[in-house]
N, C-alpha and C. Protein backbone atom coordinates (compact mmCIF):
# COMPACT_ATOMS: atom_id res chain seq x y z
N MET A 1 3.77 22.66 -30.74
CA MET A 1 3.71 22.97 -29.33
C MET A 1 4.54 24.22 -29.06
N LYS A 2 4.04 25.07 -28.15
CA LYS A 2 4.76 26.29 -27.82
C LYS A 2 5.99 25.94 -26.97
N THR A 3 7.04 26.72 -27.14
CA THR A 3 8.25 26.50 -26.35
C THR A 3 8.25 27.42 -25.14
N ASP A 4 8.93 27.00 -24.11
CA ASP A 4 9.14 27.77 -22.88
C ASP A 4 7.85 28.13 -22.14
N ILE A 5 6.82 27.28 -22.20
CA ILE A 5 5.60 27.55 -21.44
C ILE A 5 5.44 26.57 -20.28
N HIS A 6 6.21 25.52 -20.27
CA HIS A 6 6.08 24.51 -19.23
C HIS A 6 7.02 24.82 -18.07
N PRO A 7 6.59 24.54 -16.83
CA PRO A 7 7.46 24.80 -15.68
C PRO A 7 8.62 23.81 -15.64
N LYS A 8 9.68 24.18 -14.92
CA LYS A 8 10.81 23.27 -14.76
C LYS A 8 10.38 22.08 -13.91
N TYR A 9 10.93 20.92 -14.21
CA TYR A 9 10.62 19.69 -13.50
C TYR A 9 11.85 19.25 -12.74
N TYR A 10 11.73 19.10 -11.42
CA TYR A 10 12.87 18.79 -10.56
C TYR A 10 12.73 17.39 -9.96
N THR A 11 13.86 16.82 -9.57
CA THR A 11 13.86 15.66 -8.69
C THR A 11 13.77 16.23 -7.29
N THR A 12 12.62 16.03 -6.65
CA THR A 12 12.26 16.71 -5.42
C THR A 12 12.52 15.84 -4.21
N LYS A 13 13.02 16.45 -3.14
CA LYS A 13 13.19 15.76 -1.86
C LYS A 13 11.99 16.10 -1.00
N VAL A 14 11.21 15.07 -0.63
CA VAL A 14 10.01 15.25 0.19
C VAL A 14 10.37 14.88 1.62
N THR A 15 10.03 15.76 2.58
CA THR A 15 10.31 15.52 3.98
C THR A 15 8.99 15.49 4.75
N CYS A 16 8.79 14.42 5.51
CA CYS A 16 7.58 14.27 6.32
C CYS A 16 7.85 14.76 7.74
N ALA A 17 6.77 15.05 8.47
CA ALA A 17 6.89 15.48 9.85
C ALA A 17 7.45 14.38 10.74
N CYS A 18 7.30 13.11 10.33
CA CYS A 18 7.82 12.00 11.13
C CYS A 18 9.32 11.80 10.91
N GLY A 19 9.91 12.51 9.94
CA GLY A 19 11.33 12.40 9.69
C GLY A 19 11.68 11.62 8.43
N GLU A 20 10.73 10.98 7.84
CA GLU A 20 10.96 10.20 6.62
C GLU A 20 11.24 11.13 5.45
N THR A 21 12.20 10.77 4.61
CA THR A 21 12.47 11.54 3.40
C THR A 21 12.52 10.58 2.22
N PHE A 22 12.06 11.06 1.07
CA PHE A 22 12.14 10.29 -0.17
C PHE A 22 12.17 11.26 -1.33
N GLU A 23 12.51 10.76 -2.50
CA GLU A 23 12.61 11.60 -3.69
C GLU A 23 11.52 11.24 -4.69
N THR A 24 11.02 12.26 -5.36
CA THR A 24 10.01 12.10 -6.39
C THR A 24 10.17 13.25 -7.37
N GLY A 25 9.36 13.28 -8.40
CA GLY A 25 9.42 14.36 -9.38
C GLY A 25 8.33 15.39 -9.11
N SER A 26 8.68 16.67 -9.25
CA SER A 26 7.71 17.74 -9.01
C SER A 26 8.21 19.02 -9.66
N THR A 27 7.33 20.01 -9.70
CA THR A 27 7.72 21.33 -10.20
C THR A 27 8.30 22.19 -9.10
N ARG A 28 8.32 21.70 -7.86
CA ARG A 28 8.94 22.39 -6.73
C ARG A 28 10.23 21.67 -6.36
N GLU A 29 11.18 22.41 -5.81
CA GLU A 29 12.47 21.80 -5.47
C GLU A 29 12.42 21.00 -4.18
N THR A 30 11.67 21.46 -3.19
CA THR A 30 11.52 20.72 -1.93
C THR A 30 10.06 20.77 -1.50
N LEU A 31 9.63 19.72 -0.82
CA LEU A 31 8.27 19.64 -0.30
C LEU A 31 8.32 19.18 1.15
N LYS A 32 7.44 19.73 1.98
CA LYS A 32 7.29 19.29 3.37
C LYS A 32 5.84 18.88 3.56
N VAL A 33 5.64 17.65 4.04
CA VAL A 33 4.30 17.12 4.24
C VAL A 33 4.10 16.73 5.70
N GLU A 34 2.84 16.63 6.13
CA GLU A 34 2.54 16.26 7.50
C GLU A 34 2.45 14.76 7.68
N ILE A 35 1.90 14.06 6.70
CA ILE A 35 1.70 12.62 6.82
C ILE A 35 2.17 11.95 5.52
N CYS A 36 2.97 10.89 5.66
CA CYS A 36 3.44 10.13 4.50
C CYS A 36 2.96 8.68 4.63
N SER A 37 3.34 7.83 3.71
CA SER A 37 2.91 6.43 3.74
C SER A 37 3.55 5.65 4.88
N LYS A 38 4.64 6.14 5.44
CA LYS A 38 5.29 5.46 6.57
C LYS A 38 4.56 5.70 7.89
N CYS A 39 3.85 6.83 8.02
CA CYS A 39 3.18 7.13 9.29
C CYS A 39 1.66 7.26 9.16
N HIS A 40 1.09 7.10 7.98
CA HIS A 40 -0.36 7.22 7.80
C HIS A 40 -1.05 5.98 8.37
N PRO A 41 -2.13 6.16 9.14
CA PRO A 41 -2.82 5.02 9.76
C PRO A 41 -3.33 3.98 8.77
N PHE A 42 -3.69 4.38 7.58
CA PHE A 42 -4.20 3.43 6.58
C PHE A 42 -3.13 2.43 6.19
N PHE A 43 -1.89 2.87 6.07
CA PHE A 43 -0.81 2.01 5.64
C PHE A 43 -0.15 1.28 6.80
N THR A 44 -0.12 1.88 8.00
CA THR A 44 0.55 1.27 9.14
C THR A 44 -0.36 0.37 9.96
N GLY A 45 -1.67 0.62 9.92
CA GLY A 45 -2.60 -0.15 10.73
C GLY A 45 -2.67 0.33 12.16
N LYS A 46 -1.96 1.38 12.50
CA LYS A 46 -1.96 1.94 13.84
C LYS A 46 -2.77 3.24 13.84
N GLN A 47 -3.50 3.46 14.91
CA GLN A 47 -4.27 4.69 15.03
C GLN A 47 -3.34 5.82 15.47
N LYS A 48 -3.38 6.93 14.78
CA LYS A 48 -2.56 8.08 15.12
C LYS A 48 -3.47 9.29 15.21
N PHE A 49 -3.33 10.05 16.28
CA PHE A 49 -4.14 11.24 16.46
C PHE A 49 -3.57 12.36 15.61
N VAL A 50 -4.38 12.87 14.70
CA VAL A 50 -3.99 13.98 13.86
C VAL A 50 -4.78 15.19 14.34
N ASP A 51 -4.10 16.24 14.71
CA ASP A 51 -4.74 17.41 15.30
C ASP A 51 -5.37 18.28 14.21
N THR A 52 -6.60 17.93 13.84
CA THR A 52 -7.35 18.75 12.90
C THR A 52 -8.73 18.97 13.49
N GLY A 53 -9.16 20.18 13.53
CA GLY A 53 -10.47 20.51 14.09
C GLY A 53 -11.57 20.14 13.13
N GLY A 54 -12.56 19.41 13.65
CA GLY A 54 -13.70 19.03 12.83
C GLY A 54 -14.75 20.10 12.80
N ARG A 55 -15.82 19.83 12.11
CA ARG A 55 -16.90 20.81 11.97
C ARG A 55 -17.59 21.09 13.31
N VAL A 56 -17.81 20.03 14.09
CA VAL A 56 -18.51 20.20 15.36
C VAL A 56 -17.68 21.04 16.32
N GLU A 57 -16.38 20.75 16.41
CA GLU A 57 -15.51 21.51 17.31
C GLU A 57 -15.45 22.98 16.91
N ARG A 58 -15.36 23.24 15.62
CA ARG A 58 -15.33 24.64 15.15
C ARG A 58 -16.64 25.36 15.45
N PHE A 59 -17.76 24.64 15.29
CA PHE A 59 -19.07 25.23 15.60
C PHE A 59 -19.17 25.58 17.07
N LYS A 60 -18.75 24.64 17.93
CA LYS A 60 -18.83 24.88 19.37
C LYS A 60 -17.91 26.03 19.79
N ARG A 61 -16.73 26.09 19.21
CA ARG A 61 -15.80 27.17 19.53
C ARG A 61 -16.33 28.51 19.04
N LYS A 62 -16.94 28.51 17.86
CA LYS A 62 -17.44 29.74 17.27
C LYS A 62 -18.60 30.34 18.08
N TYR A 63 -19.49 29.46 18.56
CA TYR A 63 -20.67 29.94 19.28
C TYR A 63 -20.54 29.78 20.78
N GLY A 64 -19.35 29.44 21.27
CA GLY A 64 -19.09 29.41 22.71
C GLY A 64 -19.87 28.37 23.47
N MET A 65 -20.09 27.23 22.86
CA MET A 65 -20.86 26.17 23.54
C MET A 65 -19.95 25.25 24.30
């Protein structure tokens, strides 16, 4: 195996938009995410509005409908 070709592996601190933080392993030192398992609707059972434009909204905005 070749030496010095693999990236450094860090114990990473992940920060969610909801304020939750946890540690995991990654090649980056810090990560910021929008949705984690503490606030994701699939895991919490609560509906949460996530502001992402769908295809229809983008089409209507693009063509001024």
